[in-house]
């Protein structure tokens, strides 16, 4: 008897990977193994990796070419991209060819009929968390610096919309290039407005020059930031510049699944490792639930996944997809943390 063919899954990396995506794939496989251990998967999954650097440092052309390569290779689903700018490009392409994609960006507008979304952050919800946190600290007149990009503009738009309900008044705003190297003049200009806090909103590359500018100016001001500071898990040399900044993360100390992962595989228990593990589980559960092992069948399978305990977020966060509900994480999945002494620590609230 012939063995069943493996199910091919595409991995679309839209940002340079230090090891070609091997660690990410290993975490995906860890999640798949959880489901396979129950005997419900009747065949193997194989992964096809493509590195196609998209925006802001690459190009739309490279990104689209990478997606087309995975689509023509016969993948039944794709994991990626990771940046909202690129999720906006891929979403209509996925719908056009009928290929389910799970992106792990922060933008809810990256979802579609075939577009599923594991929220490693949220352009729409993080600003609410930050506005509420500032209000709770009595910091009512913040200034905002944001990336001049779809990510930064969406963050800034949602932050401004959140201010009135919690009693904040913007002292001023300024935009910078998402790949800026020197923003000292911008920060100096915001300082003249005499805000009582600074808000950074962007992809993350420009957060480093913001920190350097604050240090050069000797401006000691409370800073809050979006999930851009997840870069600290990769760039240890950036962490001290963000000392005492509060930022939005997706991993919590009280999450029992993450605690077990820390015990079993500490190196895989960061935000991306936790997210990849969960996405592996979602993939496997969608395949198990598919009535027909086709692209359309996998899409329907995703919508049947309900209330799995999540590895990201506070304890009680769950994974659920449904009809016109393609955001995976439900509950308190956004966690306030800060970088201190080279480590990310949860902020008690």
Protein backbone atom coordinates (compact mmCIF):
# COMPACT_ATOMS: atom_id res chain seq x y z
CA UNK A 1 0.00 0.00 0.00
CA UNK A 2 1.31 3.43 -0.93
CA UNK A 3 1.90 5.90 1.94
CA UNK A 4 -0.26 9.05 1.84
CA UNK A 5 1.36 12.13 0.34
CA UNK A 6 2.57 14.77 2.78
CA UNK A 7 0.64 18.03 3.01
CA UNK A 8 2.74 20.92 1.76
CA UNK A 9 2.65 24.16 3.78
CA UNK A 10 4.40 27.34 2.66
CA UNK A 11 6.40 29.59 4.97
CA UNK A 12 6.57 33.13 3.60
CA UNK A 13 9.28 35.10 5.39
CA UNK A 14 8.99 38.79 4.54
CA UNK A 15 11.85 39.87 6.81
CA UNK A 16 15.45 38.53 6.81
CA UNK A 17 15.79 35.41 8.97
CA UNK A 18 18.90 34.75 11.01
CA UNK A 19 18.86 31.01 10.32
CA UNK A 20 16.61 30.75 7.30
CA UNK A 21 13.52 30.34 9.48
CA UNK A 22 14.61 27.04 11.04
CA UNK A 23 13.69 28.08 14.59
CA UNK A 24 10.27 29.31 13.46
CA UNK A 25 9.62 26.04 11.62
CA UNK A 26 10.72 24.05 14.69
CA UNK A 27 8.14 25.87 16.82
CA UNK A 28 5.44 25.27 14.20
CA UNK A 29 6.31 21.57 14.24
CA UNK A 30 6.12 21.55 18.04
CA UNK A 31 2.51 22.75 17.81
CA UNK A 32 1.67 20.25 15.08
CA UNK A 33 3.15 17.46 17.19
CA UNK A 34 0.72 18.29 20.00
CA UNK A 35 -2.19 17.56 17.69
CA UNK A 36 -0.52 14.57 16.04
CA UNK A 37 0.08 13.00 19.46
CA UNK A 38 -3.66 12.42 19.70
CA UNK A 39 -3.60 10.26 16.58
CA UNK A 40 -5.84 12.57 14.56
CA UNK A 41 -3.41 13.44 11.75
CA UNK A 42 -3.13 10.69 9.15
CA UNK A 43 -0.18 12.12 7.19
CA UNK A 44 2.92 14.25 7.56
CA UNK A 45 3.27 17.95 6.88
CA UNK A 46 6.20 19.29 4.90
CA UNK A 47 7.26 22.91 4.83
CA UNK A 48 8.55 24.92 1.90
CA UNK A 49 10.40 28.05 3.04
CA UNK A 50 10.69 31.17 0.91
CA UNK A 51 12.51 34.33 1.98
CA UNK A 52 10.99 37.26 0.09
CA UNK A 53 11.91 40.50 1.82
CA UNK A 54 8.99 42.88 1.55
CA UNK A 55 8.32 46.38 2.82
CA UNK A 56 9.67 48.54 4.33
CA UNK A 57 13.27 47.47 3.57
CA UNK A 58 12.50 45.25 0.55
CA UNK A 59 9.91 45.46 -2.19
CA UNK A 60 6.38 44.49 -3.14
CA UNK A 61 7.82 42.75 -6.21
CA UNK A 62 9.95 40.38 -4.13
CA UNK A 63 7.07 39.64 -1.76
CA UNK A 64 4.59 38.84 -4.52
CA UNK A 65 7.17 36.67 -6.26
CA UNK A 66 7.66 34.66 -3.07
CA UNK A 67 3.94 34.15 -2.64
CA UNK A 68 3.54 33.04 -6.27
CA UNK A 69 6.35 30.52 -5.78
CA UNK A 70 4.54 28.92 -2.84
CA UNK A 71 1.19 28.97 -4.64
CA UNK A 72 2.50 27.26 -7.76
CA UNK A 73 4.40 24.71 -5.65
CA UNK A 74 1.08 23.26 -4.51
CA UNK A 75 0.91 24.50 -0.93
CA UNK A 76 -2.46 23.95 0.75
CA UNK A 77 -1.85 26.84 3.18
CA UNK A 78 0.77 29.52 3.84
CA UNK A 79 2.11 30.92 7.11
CA UNK A 80 3.11 34.57 6.69
CA UNK A 81 3.78 37.38 6.20
CA UNK A 82 4.75 39.00 9.51
CA UNK A 83 4.58 42.74 8.72
CA UNK A 84 1.27 44.54 8.25
CA UNK A 85 2.48 46.45 5.17
CA UNK A 86 3.02 43.09 3.48
CA UNK A 87 -0.15 41.52 4.85
CA UNK A 88 -2.10 44.21 3.02
CA UNK A 89 -0.40 43.12 -0.22
CA UNK A 90 -0.92 39.37 0.26
CA UNK A 91 -4.55 39.41 1.49
CA UNK A 92 -6.16 40.10 -1.94
CA UNK A 93 -3.75 37.69 -3.66
CA UNK A 94 -4.70 34.90 -1.25
CA UNK A 95 -8.39 35.52 -1.93
CA UNK A 96 -7.81 35.63 -5.68
CA UNK A 97 -6.18 32.17 -5.83
CA UNK A 98 -8.13 30.62 -2.94
CA UNK A 99 -5.10 29.86 -0.73
CA UNK A 100 -5.46 30.18 3.04
CA UNK A 101 -2.77 32.31 4.69
CA UNK A 102 -2.18 32.83 8.40
CA UNK A 103 -0.30 36.08 8.79
CA UNK A 104 1.15 37.09 12.14
CA UNK A 105 1.07 40.86 11.75
CA UNK A 106 -0.59 43.49 13.90
CA UNK A 107 -3.15 44.66 11.33
CA UNK A 108 -6.73 43.43 11.31
CA UNK A 109 -7.11 44.76 7.76
CA UNK A 110 -4.81 41.94 6.58
CA UNK A 111 -7.69 39.48 6.96
CA UNK A 112 -9.84 38.25 4.10
CA UNK A 113 -12.00 35.36 2.92
CA UNK A 114 -8.86 33.21 2.78
CA UNK A 115 -6.86 35.46 5.10
CA UNK A 116 -6.48 34.36 8.73
CA UNK A 117 -4.64 36.39 11.33
CA UNK A 118 -2.65 35.48 14.44
CA UNK A 119 -2.30 38.83 16.19
CA UNK A 120 1.29 39.40 17.27
CA UNK A 121 0.18 42.81 18.44
CA UNK A 122 -2.65 44.95 17.10
CA UNK A 123 -2.50 48.25 15.25
CA UNK A 124 -6.06 48.88 16.37
CA UNK A 125 -6.05 47.64 19.99
CA UNK A 126 -2.55 48.46 21.25
CA UNK A 127 -3.21 52.23 21.08
CA UNK A 128 -6.20 51.75 23.38
CA UNK A 129 -4.03 49.85 25.88
CA UNK A 130 -1.38 52.59 25.78
CA UNK A 131 -3.90 55.43 26.14
CA UNK A 132 -5.51 53.74 29.13
CA UNK A 133 -2.11 53.12 30.70
CA UNK A 134 -1.07 56.76 30.35
CA UNK A 135 -4.34 57.90 31.90
CA UNK A 136 -3.88 55.51 34.83
CA UNK A 137 -0.43 57.02 35.44
CA UNK A 138 -1.79 60.57 35.29
CA UNK A 139 0.13 61.36 32.10
CA UNK A 140 -2.53 63.29 30.22
CA UNK A 141 -0.62 65.37 27.66
CA UNK A 142 1.52 63.04 25.54
CA UNK A 143 3.37 63.72 22.30
CA UNK A 144 3.43 61.05 19.59
CA UNK A 145 6.20 60.06 17.18
CA UNK A 146 5.15 57.52 14.55
CA UNK A 147 6.48 55.80 11.44
CA UNK A 148 5.56 57.35 8.11
CA UNK A 149 4.14 54.05 6.85
CA UNK A 150 0.80 52.16 6.80
CA UNK A 151 1.76 50.61 10.16
CA UNK A 152 2.70 53.87 11.84
CA UNK A 153 -0.21 55.84 10.42
CA UNK A 154 -2.75 53.24 11.51
CA UNK A 155 -1.28 53.15 15.03
CA UNK A 156 -1.36 56.96 15.22
CA UNK A 157 -4.92 57.15 13.88
CA UNK A 158 -6.17 54.64 16.45
CA UNK A 159 -4.24 56.28 19.29
CA UNK A 160 -5.73 59.68 18.55
CA UNK A 161 -9.21 58.13 18.42
CA UNK A 162 -8.59 56.63 21.89
CA UNK A 163 -7.53 59.80 23.67
CA UNK A 164 -10.88 61.48 24.26
CA UNK A 165 -12.48 58.59 26.11
CA UNK A 166 -9.71 58.52 28.74
CA UNK A 167 -9.10 62.27 29.07
CA UNK A 168 -5.86 62.65 27.12
CA UNK A 169 -4.95 65.73 25.10
CA UNK A 170 -2.23 65.40 22.45
CA UNK A 171 0.60 67.88 22.87
CA UNK A 172 1.69 67.20 19.30
CA UNK A 173 2.64 64.57 16.74
CA UNK A 174 5.52 63.97 14.34
CA UNK A 175 6.31 61.33 11.76
CA UNK A 176 9.65 59.77 10.86
CA UNK A 177 10.84 57.38 8.16
CA UNK A 178 10.41 53.72 9.21
CA UNK A 179 14.11 53.22 8.39
CA UNK A 180 15.36 56.52 9.86
CA UNK A 181 18.84 56.60 11.38
CA UNK A 182 18.77 60.05 13.01
CA UNK A 183 15.59 61.63 14.44
CA UNK A 184 17.18 64.04 16.91
CA UNK A 185 15.69 67.15 15.25
CA UNK A 186 12.19 65.63 15.38
CA UNK A 187 12.48 64.70 19.07
CA UNK A 188 13.95 68.13 19.90
CA UNK A 189 10.93 69.78 18.23
CA UNK A 190 8.49 67.63 20.23
CA UNK A 191 10.33 68.57 23.41
CA UNK A 192 9.50 72.26 22.87
CA UNK A 193 5.80 71.36 23.18
CA UNK A 194 6.41 70.33 26.82
CA UNK A 195 4.50 67.01 26.82
CA UNK A 196 4.40 64.92 29.98
CA UNK A 197 4.99 61.63 28.09
CA UNK A 198 6.20 60.39 24.72
CA UNK A 199 4.45 57.70 22.67
CA UNK A 200 6.38 55.74 20.03
CA UNK A 201 4.32 53.95 17.36
CA UNK A 202 5.87 52.05 14.48
CA UNK A 203 7.42 48.91 13.09
CA UNK A 204 10.42 49.21 15.39
CA UNK A 205 13.53 50.05 13.39
CA UNK A 206 13.07 53.77 14.11
CA UNK A 207 12.61 53.15 17.84
CA UNK A 208 16.38 52.81 18.18
CA UNK A 209 17.18 56.33 16.90
CA UNK A 210 14.35 57.70 19.06
CA UNK A 211 16.05 56.19 22.12
CA UNK A 212 19.43 57.55 21.02
CA UNK A 213 17.96 61.02 20.48
CA UNK A 214 16.43 61.07 23.96
CA UNK A 215 19.80 60.11 25.43
CA UNK A 216 21.69 62.72 23.40
CA UNK A 217 19.25 65.43 24.48
CA UNK A 218 19.24 64.29 28.11
CA UNK A 219 15.45 64.27 27.98
CA UNK A 220 14.20 62.05 30.79
CA UNK A 221 10.51 61.59 29.99
CA UNK A 222 8.13 58.63 30.47
CA UNK A 223 7.84 56.67 27.22
CA UNK A 224 5.28 54.09 26.14
CA UNK A 225 5.51 52.14 22.91
CA UNK A 226 3.66 49.65 20.79
CA UNK A 227 4.85 46.08 20.19
CA UNK A 228 7.77 47.42 18.14
CA UNK A 229 9.92 46.76 21.19
CA UNK A 230 9.61 43.04 20.52
CA UNK A 231 12.77 43.79 18.52
CA UNK A 232 14.51 43.59 21.88
CA UNK A 233 14.29 39.80 21.80
CA UNK A 234 16.50 39.87 18.68
CA UNK A 235 18.65 42.96 19.29
CA UNK A 236 20.00 42.77 22.82
CA UNK A 237 22.14 45.87 22.25
CA UNK A 238 18.97 47.98 21.89
CA UNK A 239 17.45 47.04 25.25
CA UNK A 240 19.27 49.49 27.52
CA UNK A 241 18.10 52.39 25.38
CA UNK A 242 14.53 51.42 26.16
CA UNK A 243 15.06 51.17 29.93
CA UNK A 244 11.83 52.00 31.78
CA UNK A 245 9.84 52.34 28.54
CA UNK A 246 6.57 50.43 28.85
CA UNK A 247 5.52 48.56 25.73
CA UNK A 248 2.95 46.08 24.47
CA UNK A 249 4.01 42.43 24.24
CA UNK A 250 2.07 39.20 23.72
CA UNK A 251 3.63 36.91 26.35
CA UNK A 252 2.55 36.80 29.98
CA UNK A 253 4.11 35.29 33.08
CA UNK A 254 0.85 33.76 34.30
CA UNK A 255 0.08 31.80 31.10
CA UNK A 256 0.32 28.11 32.03
CA UNK A 257 1.02 26.94 28.48
CA UNK A 258 3.91 29.36 28.20
CA UNK A 259 5.21 28.30 31.61
CA UNK A 260 5.29 24.69 30.38
CA UNK A 261 7.11 25.80 27.22
CA UNK A 262 9.65 27.68 29.34
CA UNK A 263 10.31 24.44 31.22
CA UNK A 264 10.52 22.27 28.09
CA UNK A 265 12.23 24.60 25.60
CA UNK A 266 13.24 27.95 27.14
CA UNK A 267 14.75 29.31 23.92
CA UNK A 268 11.39 28.86 22.15
CA UNK A 269 9.29 30.67 24.79
CA UNK A 270 9.62 34.19 23.38
CA UNK A 271 6.79 35.90 21.49
CA UNK A 272 7.57 34.41 18.09
CA UNK A 273 8.15 30.92 19.47
CA UNK A 274 4.83 31.01 21.34
CA UNK A 275 3.01 32.40 18.30
CA UNK A 276 4.54 29.82 15.94
CA UNK A 277 3.62 26.98 18.28
CA UNK A 278 0.01 28.18 18.34
CA UNK A 279 -0.07 28.58 14.57
CA UNK A 280 1.19 25.02 14.21
CA UNK A 281 -1.70 23.86 16.34
CA UNK A 282 -4.16 25.93 14.29
CA UNK A 283 -2.82 24.45 11.05
CA UNK A 284 -3.08 20.90 12.33
CA UNK A 285 -6.54 21.44 13.79
CA UNK A 286 -7.74 22.95 10.48
CA UNK A 287 -6.45 19.90 8.58
CA UNK A 288 -8.12 17.54 11.03
CA UNK A 289 -11.41 19.43 10.68
CA UNK A 290 -11.31 19.71 6.87
CA UNK A 291 -13.99 17.62 5.13
CA UNK A 292 -12.03 17.75 1.89
CA UNK A 293 -8.22 17.93 1.69
CA UNK A 294 -8.21 20.88 -0.71
CA UNK A 295 -7.44 24.56 -0.32
CA UNK A 296 -11.12 25.30 0.11
CA UNK A 297 -11.43 22.44 2.59
CA UNK A 298 -8.54 23.78 4.68
CA UNK A 299 -10.17 27.23 4.73
CA UNK A 300 -13.40 25.70 6.07
CA UNK A 301 -11.35 23.70 8.59
CA UNK A 302 -9.81 26.88 10.00
CA UNK A 303 -13.26 28.33 10.62
CA UNK A 304 -14.17 25.26 12.69
CA UNK A 305 -11.35 25.74 15.23
CA UNK A 306 -12.82 26.91 18.54
CA UNK A 307 -11.58 27.83 22.02
CA UNK A 308 -8.12 26.30 22.10
CA UNK A 309 -6.07 27.62 25.06
CA UNK A 310 -3.47 30.03 23.68
CA UNK A 311 0.24 30.14 24.49
CA UNK A 312 0.30 33.93 24.01
CA UNK A 313 -1.59 36.41 26.16
CA UNK A 314 -2.67 36.30 29.77
CA UNK A 315 -4.04 33.04 31.15
CA UNK A 316 -7.50 32.50 29.69
CA UNK A 317 -6.70 33.82 26.21
CA UNK A 318 -8.08 31.44 23.58
CA UNK A 319 -7.72 30.60 19.88
CA UNK A 320 -10.92 30.71 17.84
CA UNK A 321 -11.78 31.23 14.19
CA UNK A 322 -15.28 31.48 12.76
CA UNK A 323 -17.45 32.78 9.96
CA UNK A 324 -16.15 36.29 9.18
CA UNK A 325 -14.07 36.07 12.36
CA UNK A 326 -10.52 35.47 11.19
CA UNK A 327 -8.61 36.91 14.18
CA UNK A 328 -7.23 34.00 16.19
CA UNK A 329 -6.63 35.45 19.66
CA UNK A 330 -9.61 36.23 21.88
CA UNK A 331 -9.38 37.70 25.37
CA UNK A 332 -6.53 39.59 27.06
CA UNK A 333 -3.71 38.85 24.64
CA UNK A 334 -1.93 42.23 24.87
CA UNK A 335 0.49 42.38 27.81
CA UNK A 336 2.35 45.41 29.18
CA UNK A 337 6.06 44.77 29.72
CA UNK A 338 9.27 46.79 30.10
CA UNK A 339 12.95 46.21 29.37
CA UNK A 340 15.04 46.30 32.57
CA UNK A 341 18.61 45.10 33.08
CA UNK A 342 18.53 43.43 29.68
CA UNK A 343 15.37 41.44 30.40
CA UNK A 344 11.71 41.87 29.52
CA UNK A 345 9.63 42.13 32.70
CA UNK A 346 5.86 42.16 33.01
CA UNK A 347 4.44 45.46 34.28
CA UNK A 348 2.15 44.97 37.29
CA UNK A 349 -1.17 46.68 36.64
